[in-house]
Amino acid sequence: MYRIRFHGRGGQGVKTASRILGRAFFKEGYDVQDAPRYGAERRGAPIFAYVRASRTPIHERGIIQRPDCIVVVDDTLMPVPAAAILQGCEQKTLVLIISDLPAEKWTHRLQIQGKVLCLPKSVAGKGSPLLWGMACVGAVTRLLGVLSREALTDALRQELVTLDSAAAEQSSSTALQYFDKMAATQIVIQESSPAAATTYTSPRWLDMPMEIGPQTAPAIYAGATSEKLATGLWRTQRPIIDYTVCNRCWWLCSTFCPEGAIHVDSEGFPQIDYTHCKGCLVCLVQCPTHAIQALPEQEASRLSGEEK
């Protein structure tokens, strides 16, 4: 079974790359799984997708834990622990990175066990991050050694059908260009055996001690008692109003505050109830004069003399 995991940021074609590779496998007669996994669904946020392909039925489910190839579409994710890029990386694993740094540098920096292969960021001579995913899927398709150029071409045509003709042509051209470039590379992604149920490691459970009710019960005493819950303790960023810049437009920050933690005083100036302000910073975004700035809560507490 082949296990391929793509890592990148939203907008770099990670999900599309996994679907193209999955479709190319399918066209060659493989049983296939491909799925994306999102965090925050916005452009620039970390995302990963994975593809499994086998000549026999696939019984594995969930995130790939032992990848045969890890594809990193954006090398700025490499030092981000939450991205978990190197999870399950073994000596047999190929790590393919879009990076202008040499592979030896990444091997030395991260002490990677497997082989490292780097593709330059100047993809198709343009260096657009939107094309990095296409370069990666073209390269991986060739490095697998079991998928034809025709299967990749057909998969590109079907998966890019929603793009306008110019974007689809540029994306297809980039993928095929990197498929051809990998012809001179001797590296081949190795297929691994299916995971055996006998080697499954059970999760480690944590035994939590019992606690008395008042310690763990919700702090909701009755209707209309939310004032008693100091939700401001949840805050990590504190909005600070610069009244020399405030235009007293009163309705924006106070109206858009989802917690109702901003009221307007008799002079028309907004006042923030820090006991209940959760630090969502919606007010900062809404303020047209940029009179509201954010400070880390610890720093704000120190400046205001609240720290003991």
Protein backbone atom coordinates (compact mmCIF):
# COMPACT_ATOMS: atom_id res chain seq x y z
CA MET A 1 0.00 0.00 0.00
CA TYR A 2 1.16 3.52 -0.81
CA ARG A 3 0.63 6.16 1.87
CA ILE A 4 1.20 9.80 0.84
CA ARG A 5 0.63 12.81 3.12
CA PHE A 6 0.50 16.40 1.82
CA HIS A 7 1.12 19.40 4.12
CA GLY A 8 0.66 23.05 3.18
CA ARG A 9 -1.41 26.15 3.72
CA GLY A 10 -4.92 26.95 2.56
CA GLY A 11 -4.85 28.26 -1.00
CA GLN A 12 -1.76 26.31 -2.11
CA GLY A 13 -3.64 23.46 -3.75
CA VAL A 14 -3.01 20.81 -1.08
CA LYS A 15 -6.52 19.34 -1.20
CA THR A 16 -6.57 19.53 -5.01
CA ALA A 17 -3.15 17.84 -5.23
CA SER A 18 -4.33 14.90 -3.12
CA ARG A 19 -7.47 14.51 -5.25
CA ILE A 20 -5.43 14.58 -8.46
CA LEU A 21 -3.05 11.93 -7.14
CA GLY A 22 -5.95 9.82 -5.87
CA ARG A 23 -7.71 10.01 -9.24
CA ALA A 24 -4.50 9.10 -11.10
CA PHE A 25 -4.14 6.02 -8.87
CA PHE A 26 -7.77 5.11 -9.50
CA LYS A 27 -7.30 5.32 -13.26
CA GLU A 28 -4.46 2.83 -12.98
CA GLY A 29 -6.74 0.34 -11.23
CA TYR A 30 -5.87 1.02 -7.58
CA ASP A 31 -8.23 1.03 -4.63
CA VAL A 32 -7.95 4.59 -3.30
CA GLN A 33 -8.66 6.81 -0.30
CA ASP A 34 -8.00 10.55 -0.37
CA ALA A 35 -9.19 13.09 2.17
CA PRO A 36 -8.24 16.55 3.47
CA ARG A 37 -8.01 17.56 7.13
CA TYR A 38 -8.63 21.20 8.00
CA GLY A 39 -7.95 23.36 11.01
CA ALA A 40 -9.12 26.91 10.49
CA GLU A 41 -10.76 26.97 7.06
CA ARG A 42 -9.10 30.10 5.72
CA ARG A 43 -6.40 30.96 3.23
CA GLY A 44 -2.95 30.63 4.79
CA ALA A 45 -3.98 28.29 7.62
CA PRO A 46 -2.17 24.92 7.91
CA ILE A 47 -3.92 22.03 6.17
CA PHE A 48 -2.98 18.49 5.29
CA ALA A 49 -4.43 15.80 3.06
CA TYR A 50 -3.60 12.15 2.60
CA VAL A 51 -3.83 9.47 -0.07
CA ARG A 52 -3.82 5.71 0.32
CA ALA A 53 -3.63 3.45 -2.73
CA SER A 54 -3.47 -0.32 -2.94
CA ARG A 55 -4.13 -3.15 -5.38
CA THR A 56 -6.17 -4.83 -2.64
CA PRO A 57 -9.08 -3.46 -0.57
CA ILE A 58 -8.01 -0.83 1.98
CA HIS A 59 -9.14 -1.46 5.53
CA GLU A 60 -7.12 1.30 7.20
CA ARG A 61 -8.95 4.46 8.18
CA GLY A 62 -8.04 7.87 9.54
CA ILE A 63 -4.87 9.92 9.39
CA ILE A 64 -1.78 8.26 7.92
CA GLN A 65 0.59 7.49 10.78
CA ARG A 66 3.38 5.78 8.77
CA PRO A 67 3.74 7.74 5.51
CA ASP A 68 5.82 6.46 2.62
CA CYS A 69 6.10 10.05 1.38
CA ILE A 70 5.59 13.38 3.16
CA VAL A 71 4.99 16.29 0.80
CA VAL A 72 5.60 19.77 2.25
CA VAL A 73 4.16 22.39 -0.05
CA ASP A 74 5.31 25.31 2.15
CA ASP A 75 8.60 25.07 4.05
CA THR A 76 7.53 27.76 6.55
CA LEU A 77 5.46 25.01 8.20
CA MET A 78 8.53 22.91 9.00
CA PRO A 79 9.23 24.56 12.40
CA VAL A 80 5.53 24.64 13.42
CA PRO A 81 4.99 21.84 15.97
CA ALA A 82 1.20 21.85 15.55
CA ALA A 83 1.56 21.00 11.85
CA ALA A 84 3.06 17.60 12.88
CA ILE A 85 4.79 17.33 9.51
CA LEU A 86 7.38 14.76 10.54
CA GLN A 87 4.99 12.55 12.50
CA GLY A 88 5.69 8.95 11.58
CA CYS A 89 8.72 9.78 9.42
CA GLU A 90 10.91 6.70 9.11
CA GLN A 91 14.11 5.79 7.31
CA LYS A 92 12.15 4.61 4.27
CA THR A 93 10.08 7.82 4.10
CA LEU A 94 10.73 10.33 1.33
CA VAL A 95 10.28 13.96 2.41
CA LEU A 96 9.58 16.21 -0.59
CA ILE A 97 9.80 19.94 0.23
CA ILE A 98 9.16 23.08 -1.80
CA SER A 99 12.18 25.06 -0.61
CA ASP A 100 15.10 27.07 -1.94
CA LEU A 101 17.32 25.53 0.74
CA PRO A 102 19.30 22.41 -0.20
CA ALA A 103 18.11 19.04 1.03
CA GLU A 104 21.26 18.61 3.12
CA LYS A 105 20.36 21.72 5.12
CA TRP A 106 16.93 20.33 6.05
CA THR A 107 18.41 16.93 6.91
CA HIS A 108 20.92 18.61 9.22
CA ARG A 109 18.37 20.99 10.77
CA LEU A 110 15.70 18.42 11.55
CA GLN A 111 17.73 15.20 11.79
CA ILE A 112 15.31 13.59 9.35
CA GLN A 113 15.71 9.82 9.08
CA GLY A 114 14.40 9.47 5.54
CA LYS A 115 15.52 10.87 2.20
CA VAL A 116 14.92 14.57 1.53
CA LEU A 117 14.26 16.05 -1.90
CA CYS A 118 13.77 19.81 -2.45
CA LEU A 119 12.03 21.56 -5.33
CA PRO A 120 12.77 25.29 -5.84
CA LYS A 121 10.07 27.83 -5.08
CA SER A 122 10.45 29.31 -8.55
CA VAL A 123 7.84 26.87 -9.84
CA ALA A 124 7.31 27.18 -13.60
CA GLY A 125 9.46 30.31 -13.54
CA LYS A 126 6.84 32.27 -11.60
CA GLY A 127 7.32 31.28 -7.97
CA SER A 128 3.59 31.52 -7.21
CA PRO A 129 2.57 29.63 -4.03
CA LEU A 130 -0.68 28.76 -5.83
CA LEU A 131 1.32 26.46 -8.13
CA TRP A 132 3.44 24.73 -5.50
CA GLY A 133 0.83 22.03 -4.92
CA MET A 134 0.71 21.29 -8.64
CA ALA A 135 4.49 20.97 -8.82
CA CYS A 136 4.43 18.54 -5.91
CA VAL A 137 1.71 16.28 -7.32
CA GLY A 138 3.54 16.10 -10.65
CA ALA A 139 6.80 15.19 -8.95
CA VAL A 140 5.23 12.62 -6.61
CA THR A 141 3.34 10.94 -9.46
CA ARG A 142 6.62 10.33 -11.29
CA LEU A 143 8.56 9.30 -8.17
CA LEU A 144 6.02 6.59 -7.40
CA GLY A 145 7.08 4.82 -10.60
CA VAL A 146 3.70 3.11 -11.08
CA LEU A 147 1.59 5.92 -12.58
CA SER A 148 1.68 7.00 -16.21
CA ARG A 149 1.78 10.51 -17.62
CA GLU A 150 -1.53 9.78 -19.31
CA ALA A 151 -3.20 8.95 -15.99
CA LEU A 152 -1.88 12.21 -14.50
CA THR A 153 -3.03 14.21 -17.53
CA ASP A 154 -6.53 12.76 -17.35
CA ALA A 155 -6.72 13.34 -13.57
CA LEU A 156 -5.63 16.96 -14.01
CA ARG A 157 -8.27 17.52 -16.68
CA GLN A 158 -11.07 16.18 -14.51
CA GLU A 159 -10.05 17.75 -11.19
CA LEU A 160 -9.30 21.22 -12.61
CA VAL A 161 -12.51 21.48 -14.59
CA THR A 162 -13.92 24.15 -12.24
CA LEU A 163 -11.02 26.56 -12.91
CA ASP A 164 -11.04 29.03 -15.76
CA SER A 165 -9.17 27.83 -18.84
CA ALA A 166 -6.03 29.92 -18.23
CA ALA A 167 -5.64 28.80 -14.60
CA ALA A 168 -6.33 25.16 -15.49
CA GLU A 169 -3.76 25.26 -18.29
CA GLN A 170 -1.11 26.83 -16.06
CA SER A 171 -1.75 24.32 -13.25
CA SER A 172 -1.68 21.33 -15.62
CA SER A 173 1.47 22.61 -17.32
CA THR A 174 3.24 22.95 -13.95
CA ALA A 175 2.28 19.44 -12.81
CA LEU A 176 3.35 17.83 -16.08
CA GLN A 177 6.55 19.88 -16.19
CA TYR A 178 7.61 18.51 -12.79
CA PHE A 179 6.50 15.00 -13.76
CA ASP A 180 9.00 15.20 -16.64
CA LYS A 181 11.72 16.81 -14.49
CA MET A 182 11.72 13.86 -12.08
CA ALA A 183 12.65 11.45 -14.89
CA ALA A 184 16.34 11.90 -14.10
CA THR A 185 15.84 11.30 -10.36
CA GLN A 186 16.78 7.87 -9.10
CA ILE A 187 14.64 8.13 -5.96
CA VAL A 188 11.55 5.91 -5.93
CA ILE A 189 8.82 6.04 -3.28
CA GLN A 190 8.70 2.61 -1.66
CA GLU A 191 5.38 0.85 -1.12
CA SER A 192 4.90 -0.44 2.43
CA SER A 193 2.97 -3.40 3.74
CA PRO A 194 -0.49 -3.02 5.25
CA ALA A 195 -0.58 -2.45 9.00
CA ALA A 196 -1.18 -5.63 10.96
CA ALA A 197 -3.84 -5.66 13.65
CA THR A 198 -1.47 -7.62 15.92
CA THR A 199 0.99 -4.70 16.06
CA TYR A 200 -1.66 -2.13 17.01
CA THR A 201 -0.68 -0.10 20.05
CA SER A 202 -3.56 0.77 22.32
CA PRO A 203 -3.80 4.41 23.44
CA ARG A 204 -2.51 5.28 26.89
CA TRP A 205 -5.41 6.20 29.12
CA LEU A 206 -5.22 8.80 31.86
CA ASP A 207 -6.99 8.01 35.10
CA MET A 208 -8.57 11.19 36.40
CA PRO A 209 -9.37 11.40 40.11
CA MET A 210 -12.96 12.02 41.11
CA GLU A 211 -13.72 15.56 42.20
CA ILE A 212 -16.54 16.92 44.27
CA GLY A 213 -19.39 18.57 42.40
CA PRO A 214 -18.77 22.28 43.11
CA GLN A 215 -15.28 22.05 41.63
CA THR A 216 -16.32 20.71 38.24
CA ALA A 217 -19.96 21.72 37.91
CA PRO A 218 -20.92 24.52 35.47
CA ALA A 219 -20.92 27.99 36.99
CA ILE A 220 -24.49 28.65 35.86
CA TYR A 221 -26.58 29.33 38.90
CA ALA A 222 -29.91 30.33 37.37
CA GLY A 223 -31.36 32.37 34.54
CA ALA A 224 -29.84 35.84 33.96
CA THR A 225 -26.79 35.14 36.14
CA SER A 226 -24.07 35.25 33.45
CA GLU A 227 -22.66 38.36 35.13
CA LYS A 228 -21.36 36.14 37.91
CA LEU A 229 -19.11 34.24 35.51
CA ALA A 230 -15.87 36.19 35.02
CA THR A 231 -15.30 35.21 31.39
CA GLY A 232 -12.56 37.84 31.17
CA LEU A 233 -10.27 35.25 32.75
CA TRP A 234 -10.28 33.44 29.40
CA ARG A 235 -8.65 36.38 27.63
CA THR A 236 -5.11 36.17 26.19
CA GLN A 237 -5.21 39.50 24.29
CA ARG A 238 -6.65 42.67 25.86
CA PRO A 239 -8.21 45.42 23.70
CA ILE A 240 -7.01 48.88 24.78
CA ILE A 241 -8.80 52.07 23.69
CA ASP A 242 -6.73 55.16 22.85
CA TYR A 243 -9.21 57.91 23.64
CA THR A 244 -7.07 60.53 21.88
CA VAL A 245 -7.89 58.74 18.62
CA CYS A 246 -11.43 57.57 19.47
CA ASN A 247 -14.04 59.34 17.34
CA ARG A 248 -16.92 58.47 19.71
CA CYS A 249 -18.85 56.79 16.95
CA TRP A 250 -20.35 54.71 19.84
CA TRP A 251 -22.41 52.22 17.82
CA LEU A 252 -19.64 50.21 16.13
CA CYS A 253 -17.59 48.64 18.90
CA SER A 254 -20.46 48.46 21.40
CA THR A 255 -22.90 46.98 18.89
CA PHE A 256 -20.55 44.41 17.38
CA CYS A 257 -19.14 43.17 20.71
CA PRO A 258 -20.58 39.62 20.88
CA GLU A 259 -20.45 39.59 24.68
CA GLY A 260 -22.02 43.01 25.26
CA ALA A 261 -18.89 43.88 27.21
CA ILE A 262 -18.64 47.44 25.81
CA HIS A 263 -20.95 50.22 26.94
CA VAL A 264 -20.95 53.93 26.16
CA ASP A 265 -20.59 56.45 28.97
CA SER A 266 -22.41 59.76 29.32
CA GLU A 267 -19.79 61.54 27.20
CA GLY A 268 -20.14 59.08 24.32
CA PHE A 269 -16.87 57.21 24.94
CA PRO A 270 -16.86 53.38 24.87
CA GLN A 271 -15.86 51.61 28.07
CA ILE A 272 -14.76 47.97 28.15
CA ASP A 273 -15.91 45.63 30.91
CA TYR A 274 -12.73 43.60 31.30
CA THR A 275 -14.40 41.22 33.76
CA HIS A 276 -16.42 39.80 30.87
CA CYS A 277 -14.39 40.76 27.76
CA LYS A 278 -13.07 37.47 26.31
CA GLY A 279 -10.52 39.16 24.05
CA CYS A 280 -12.07 38.17 20.73
CA LEU A 281 -10.88 41.54 19.30
CA VAL A 282 -13.96 42.02 17.12
CA CYS A 283 -13.98 45.62 18.37
CA LEU A 284 -10.42 46.12 17.12
CA VAL A 285 -11.42 45.00 13.63
CA GLN A 286 -14.55 47.16 13.56
CA CYS A 287 -12.96 50.42 14.78
CA PRO A 288 -12.61 52.71 11.71
CA THR A 289 -10.09 55.05 13.36
CA HIS A 290 -7.92 52.19 14.73
CA ALA A 291 -8.33 53.59 18.23
CA ILE A 292 -8.37 50.06 19.68
CA GLN A 293 -5.13 48.12 19.93
CA ALA A 294 -4.37 44.70 21.44
CA LEU A 295 -1.82 43.89 24.10
CA PRO A 296 -0.92 40.46 25.47
CA GLU A 297 -2.90 40.02 28.68
CA GLN A 298 0.17 39.53 30.85
CA GLU A 299 1.76 42.74 29.57
CA ALA A 300 -1.50 44.68 29.92
CA SER A 301 -1.89 43.46 33.51
CA ARG A 302 1.65 44.54 34.34
CA LEU A 303 1.21 48.01 32.81
CA SER A 304 -2.05 48.55 34.66
CA GLY A 305 -0.57 47.40 37.96
CA GLU A 306 -2.91 44.40 38.27
CA GLU A 307 -0.12 41.88 38.70
CA LYS A 308 0.90 41.14 42.23
